[in-house]
Amino acid sequence: MELKDFVDKVISCKNKTITDEVFLLIQNDKHFMQEYLQLIHEKGLDVVNKYIGKKVKQKYKLTDDGRNKSPKSTLISSHQEFE
């Protein structure tokens, strides 16, 4: 295996968890969670979660390496059941 291929594979794996980590931060912080729930009430779950995902992807310049199939955040996993 080439060094570049190895590093690309590791980074791709990490990229799949960054969005989950952001949602875990929201989920585990009382104030973020209150604001998140208020935004869901005003705008809807799908709109809020897609916007967060889009902004995380832009901020960290993530590529479409596939979806994290087992997120730890219940904010994501409960949403994925409906997709």
N, C-alpha and C. Protein backbone atom coordinates (compact mmCIF):
# COMPACT_ATOMS: atom_id res chain seq x y z
N MET A 1 0.85 -1.18 0.00
CA MET A 1 0.00 0.00 0.00
C MET A 1 0.89 1.24 0.00
N GLU A 2 0.52 2.18 -0.80
CA GLU A 2 1.24 3.45 -0.86
C GLU A 2 0.87 4.32 0.33
N LEU A 3 1.79 5.17 0.75
CA LEU A 3 1.56 6.08 1.86
C LEU A 3 0.35 6.97 1.59
N LYS A 4 0.29 7.52 0.40
CA LYS A 4 -0.84 8.40 0.03
C LYS A 4 -2.16 7.66 0.16
N ASP A 5 -2.23 6.43 -0.32
CA ASP A 5 -3.47 5.65 -0.24
C ASP A 5 -3.87 5.40 1.21
N PHE A 6 -2.88 5.10 2.05
CA PHE A 6 -3.15 4.87 3.46
C PHE A 6 -3.72 6.12 4.12
N VAL A 7 -3.06 7.25 3.91
CA VAL A 7 -3.50 8.51 4.52
C VAL A 7 -4.88 8.90 3.99
N ASP A 8 -5.11 8.75 2.70
CA ASP A 8 -6.43 9.06 2.13
C ASP A 8 -7.52 8.20 2.77
N LYS A 9 -7.21 6.93 3.01
CA LYS A 9 -8.18 6.01 3.61
C LYS A 9 -8.50 6.43 5.06
N VAL A 10 -7.48 6.79 5.82
CA VAL A 10 -7.67 7.21 7.21
C VAL A 10 -8.48 8.51 7.26
N ILE A 11 -8.12 9.47 6.43
CA ILE A 11 -8.83 10.75 6.41
C ILE A 11 -10.28 10.55 5.98
N SER A 12 -10.51 9.71 5.00
CA SER A 12 -11.87 9.41 4.55
C SER A 12 -12.69 8.84 5.70
N CYS A 13 -12.10 7.97 6.47
CA CYS A 13 -12.79 7.38 7.62
C CYS A 13 -13.13 8.45 8.65
N LYS A 14 -12.20 9.34 8.93
CA LYS A 14 -12.43 10.43 9.88
C LYS A 14 -13.50 11.38 9.38
N ASN A 15 -13.50 11.66 8.09
CA ASN A 15 -14.49 12.56 7.51
C ASN A 15 -15.91 12.09 7.79
N LYS A 16 -16.10 10.77 7.84
CA LYS A 16 -17.44 10.22 8.08
C LYS A 16 -17.92 10.46 9.51
N THR A 17 -16.99 10.77 10.43
CA THR A 17 -17.39 10.94 11.83
C THR A 17 -17.50 12.40 12.26
N ILE A 18 -17.00 13.32 11.47
CA ILE A 18 -16.98 14.73 11.88
C ILE A 18 -18.39 15.27 12.10
N THR A 19 -19.30 15.00 11.19
CA THR A 19 -20.67 15.49 11.34
C THR A 19 -21.30 14.89 12.59
N ASP A 20 -21.07 13.61 12.82
CA ASP A 20 -21.59 12.96 14.02
C ASP A 20 -21.05 13.64 15.27
N GLU A 21 -19.79 14.02 15.27
CA GLU A 21 -19.19 14.69 16.41
C GLU A 21 -19.86 16.05 16.68
N VAL A 22 -20.21 16.76 15.62
CA VAL A 22 -20.90 18.05 15.78
C VAL A 22 -22.28 17.82 16.42
N PHE A 23 -23.01 16.81 15.92
CA PHE A 23 -24.31 16.51 16.50
C PHE A 23 -24.19 16.02 17.95
N LEU A 24 -23.14 15.29 18.27
CA LEU A 24 -22.91 14.87 19.66
C LEU A 24 -22.65 16.07 20.55
N LEU A 25 -21.93 17.05 20.04
CA LEU A 25 -21.69 18.28 20.80
C LEU A 25 -23.01 18.97 21.12
N ILE A 26 -23.89 19.07 20.13
CA ILE A 26 -25.21 19.67 20.36
C ILE A 26 -25.98 18.84 21.39
N GLN A 27 -26.00 17.55 21.19
CA GLN A 27 -26.77 16.63 22.03
C GLN A 27 -26.32 16.66 23.48
N ASN A 28 -25.03 16.82 23.72
CA ASN A 28 -24.47 16.73 25.07
C ASN A 28 -24.31 18.08 25.77
N ASP A 29 -24.73 19.15 25.13
CA ASP A 29 -24.64 20.48 25.73
C ASP A 29 -26.06 21.02 25.92
N LYS A 30 -26.42 21.29 27.15
CA LYS A 30 -27.79 21.70 27.49
C LYS A 30 -28.24 22.92 26.68
N HIS A 31 -27.39 23.91 26.58
CA HIS A 31 -27.78 25.15 25.88
C HIS A 31 -27.89 24.94 24.37
N PHE A 32 -26.92 24.22 23.80
CA PHE A 32 -27.01 23.91 22.36
C PHE A 32 -28.27 23.11 22.07
N MET A 33 -28.58 22.16 22.94
CA MET A 33 -29.74 21.30 22.72
C MET A 33 -31.04 22.11 22.78
N GLN A 34 -31.13 23.03 23.71
CA GLN A 34 -32.33 23.89 23.79
C GLN A 34 -32.49 24.70 22.51
N GLU A 35 -31.40 25.27 22.04
CA GLU A 35 -31.47 26.06 20.81
C GLU A 35 -31.80 25.18 19.61
N TYR A 36 -31.22 23.99 19.55
CA TYR A 36 -31.49 23.03 18.48
C TYR A 36 -32.98 22.67 18.45
N LEU A 37 -33.54 22.35 19.61
CA LEU A 37 -34.95 21.99 19.69
C LEU A 37 -35.85 23.15 19.28
N GLN A 38 -35.46 24.36 19.64
CA GLN A 38 -36.24 25.54 19.23
C GLN A 38 -36.19 25.71 17.72
N LEU A 39 -35.03 25.54 17.13
CA LEU A 39 -34.90 25.64 15.68
C LEU A 39 -35.71 24.56 14.96
N ILE A 40 -35.71 23.35 15.51
CA ILE A 40 -36.52 22.27 14.92
C ILE A 40 -38.00 22.62 14.99
N HIS A 41 -38.41 23.20 16.10
CA HIS A 41 -39.81 23.62 16.25
C HIS A 41 -40.17 24.67 15.19
N GLU A 42 -39.26 25.59 14.93
CA GLU A 42 -39.52 26.69 13.99
C GLU A 42 -39.37 26.27 12.53
N LYS A 43 -38.36 25.44 12.23
CA LYS A 43 -38.01 25.18 10.83
C LYS A 43 -38.21 23.73 10.39
N GLY A 44 -38.27 22.82 11.33
CA GLY A 44 -38.44 21.41 11.01
C GLY A 44 -37.12 20.65 11.11
N LEU A 45 -37.24 19.39 11.49
CA LEU A 45 -36.06 18.53 11.70
C LEU A 45 -35.22 18.39 10.45
N ASP A 46 -35.85 18.10 9.33
CA ASP A 46 -35.11 17.87 8.09
C ASP A 46 -34.31 19.10 7.68
N VAL A 47 -34.93 20.27 7.76
CA VAL A 47 -34.25 21.51 7.37
C VAL A 47 -33.05 21.77 8.27
N VAL A 48 -33.24 21.64 9.57
CA VAL A 48 -32.16 21.92 10.52
C VAL A 48 -31.00 20.95 10.35
N ASN A 49 -31.29 19.64 10.32
CA ASN A 49 -30.22 18.66 10.21
C ASN A 49 -29.48 18.75 8.88
N LYS A 50 -30.19 18.97 7.79
CA LYS A 50 -29.52 19.10 6.50
C LYS A 50 -28.64 20.34 6.46
N TYR A 51 -29.11 21.43 7.06
CA TYR A 51 -28.32 22.66 7.08
C TYR A 51 -27.05 22.46 7.90
N ILE A 52 -27.17 21.85 9.07
CA ILE A 52 -25.99 21.58 9.89
C ILE A 52 -25.01 20.70 9.12
N GLY A 53 -25.50 19.64 8.51
CA GLY A 53 -24.64 18.76 7.73
C GLY A 53 -23.94 19.48 6.60
N LYS A 54 -24.67 20.33 5.90
CA LYS A 54 -24.11 21.08 4.78
C LYS A 54 -23.00 22.04 5.26
N LYS A 55 -23.27 22.75 6.36
CA LYS A 55 -22.29 23.71 6.87
C LYS A 55 -21.03 23.01 7.41
N VAL A 56 -21.19 21.86 8.04
CA VAL A 56 -20.03 21.10 8.52
C VAL A 56 -19.19 20.67 7.32
N LYS A 57 -19.85 20.18 6.30
CA LYS A 57 -19.16 19.73 5.09
C LYS A 57 -18.38 20.88 4.46
N GLN A 58 -19.00 22.07 4.39
CA GLN A 58 -18.32 23.24 3.82
C GLN A 58 -17.15 23.68 4.69
N LYS A 59 -17.38 23.77 5.98
CA LYS A 59 -16.36 24.28 6.91
C LYS A 59 -15.10 23.42 6.90
N TYR A 60 -15.29 22.11 6.89
CA TYR A 60 -14.15 21.19 6.96
C TYR A 60 -13.75 20.66 5.59
N LYS A 61 -14.38 21.21 4.55
CA LYS A 61 -14.06 20.82 3.17
C LYS A 61 -14.12 19.30 2.99
N LEU A 62 -15.20 18.72 3.47
CA LEU A 62 -15.38 17.28 3.40
C LEU A 62 -15.85 16.87 2.02
N THR A 63 -15.47 15.68 1.64
CA THR A 63 -15.92 15.12 0.37
C THR A 63 -17.01 14.10 0.63
N ASP A 64 -17.68 13.69 -0.41
CA ASP A 64 -18.74 12.69 -0.29
C ASP A 64 -18.13 11.30 -0.28
N ASP A 65 -17.57 10.92 0.85
CA ASP A 65 -16.94 9.61 0.98
C ASP A 65 -17.91 8.58 1.53
N GLY A 66 -19.16 8.92 1.57
CA GLY A 66 -20.16 7.99 2.09
C GLY A 66 -20.64 8.42 3.45
N ARG A 67 -21.76 7.90 3.81
CA ARG A 67 -22.40 8.25 5.08
C ARG A 67 -21.90 7.35 6.19
N ASN A 68 -21.83 7.92 7.37
CA ASN A 68 -21.50 7.15 8.57
C ASN A 68 -22.72 6.27 8.86
N LYS A 69 -22.56 4.97 8.72
CA LYS A 69 -23.69 4.05 8.85
C LYS A 69 -24.06 3.75 10.31
N SER A 70 -23.22 4.15 11.23
CA SER A 70 -23.54 3.92 12.64
C SER A 70 -23.17 5.13 13.49
N PRO A 71 -23.89 6.24 13.30
CA PRO A 71 -23.59 7.43 14.09
C PRO A 71 -23.90 7.22 15.57
N LYS A 72 -23.17 7.88 16.41
CA LYS A 72 -23.38 7.79 17.86
C LYS A 72 -24.46 8.76 18.32
N SER A 73 -24.62 9.85 17.61
CA SER A 73 -25.61 10.84 17.99
C SER A 73 -27.02 10.36 17.66
N THR A 74 -27.88 10.44 18.64
CA THR A 74 -29.28 10.07 18.39
C THR A 74 -29.98 11.13 17.54
N LEU A 75 -29.41 12.30 17.47
CA LEU A 75 -30.00 13.35 16.62
C LEU A 75 -29.90 12.99 15.16
N ILE A 76 -28.87 12.25 14.80
CA ILE A 76 -28.69 11.78 13.42
C ILE A 76 -29.39 10.44 13.22
N SER A 77 -29.15 9.51 14.12
CA SER A 77 -29.67 8.15 13.90
C SER A 77 -31.18 8.12 13.89
N SER A 78 -31.83 8.95 14.70
CA SER A 78 -33.30 8.98 14.66
C SER A 78 -33.77 9.57 13.35
N HIS A 79 -33.00 10.50 12.80
CA HIS A 79 -33.35 11.13 11.52
C HIS A 79 -33.16 10.15 10.37
N GLN A 80 -32.11 9.33 10.42
CA GLN A 80 -31.81 8.41 9.32
C GLN A 80 -32.87 7.33 9.17
N GLU A 81 -33.58 7.02 10.23
CA GLU A 81 -34.61 5.98 10.14
C GLU A 81 -35.70 6.36 9.15
N PHE A 82 -35.87 7.66 8.92
CA PHE A 82 -36.94 8.12 8.06
C PHE A 82 -36.49 8.35 6.62
N GLU A 83 -35.21 8.19 6.35
CA GLU A 83 -34.71 8.43 4.99
C GLU A 83 -34.78 7.18 4.16
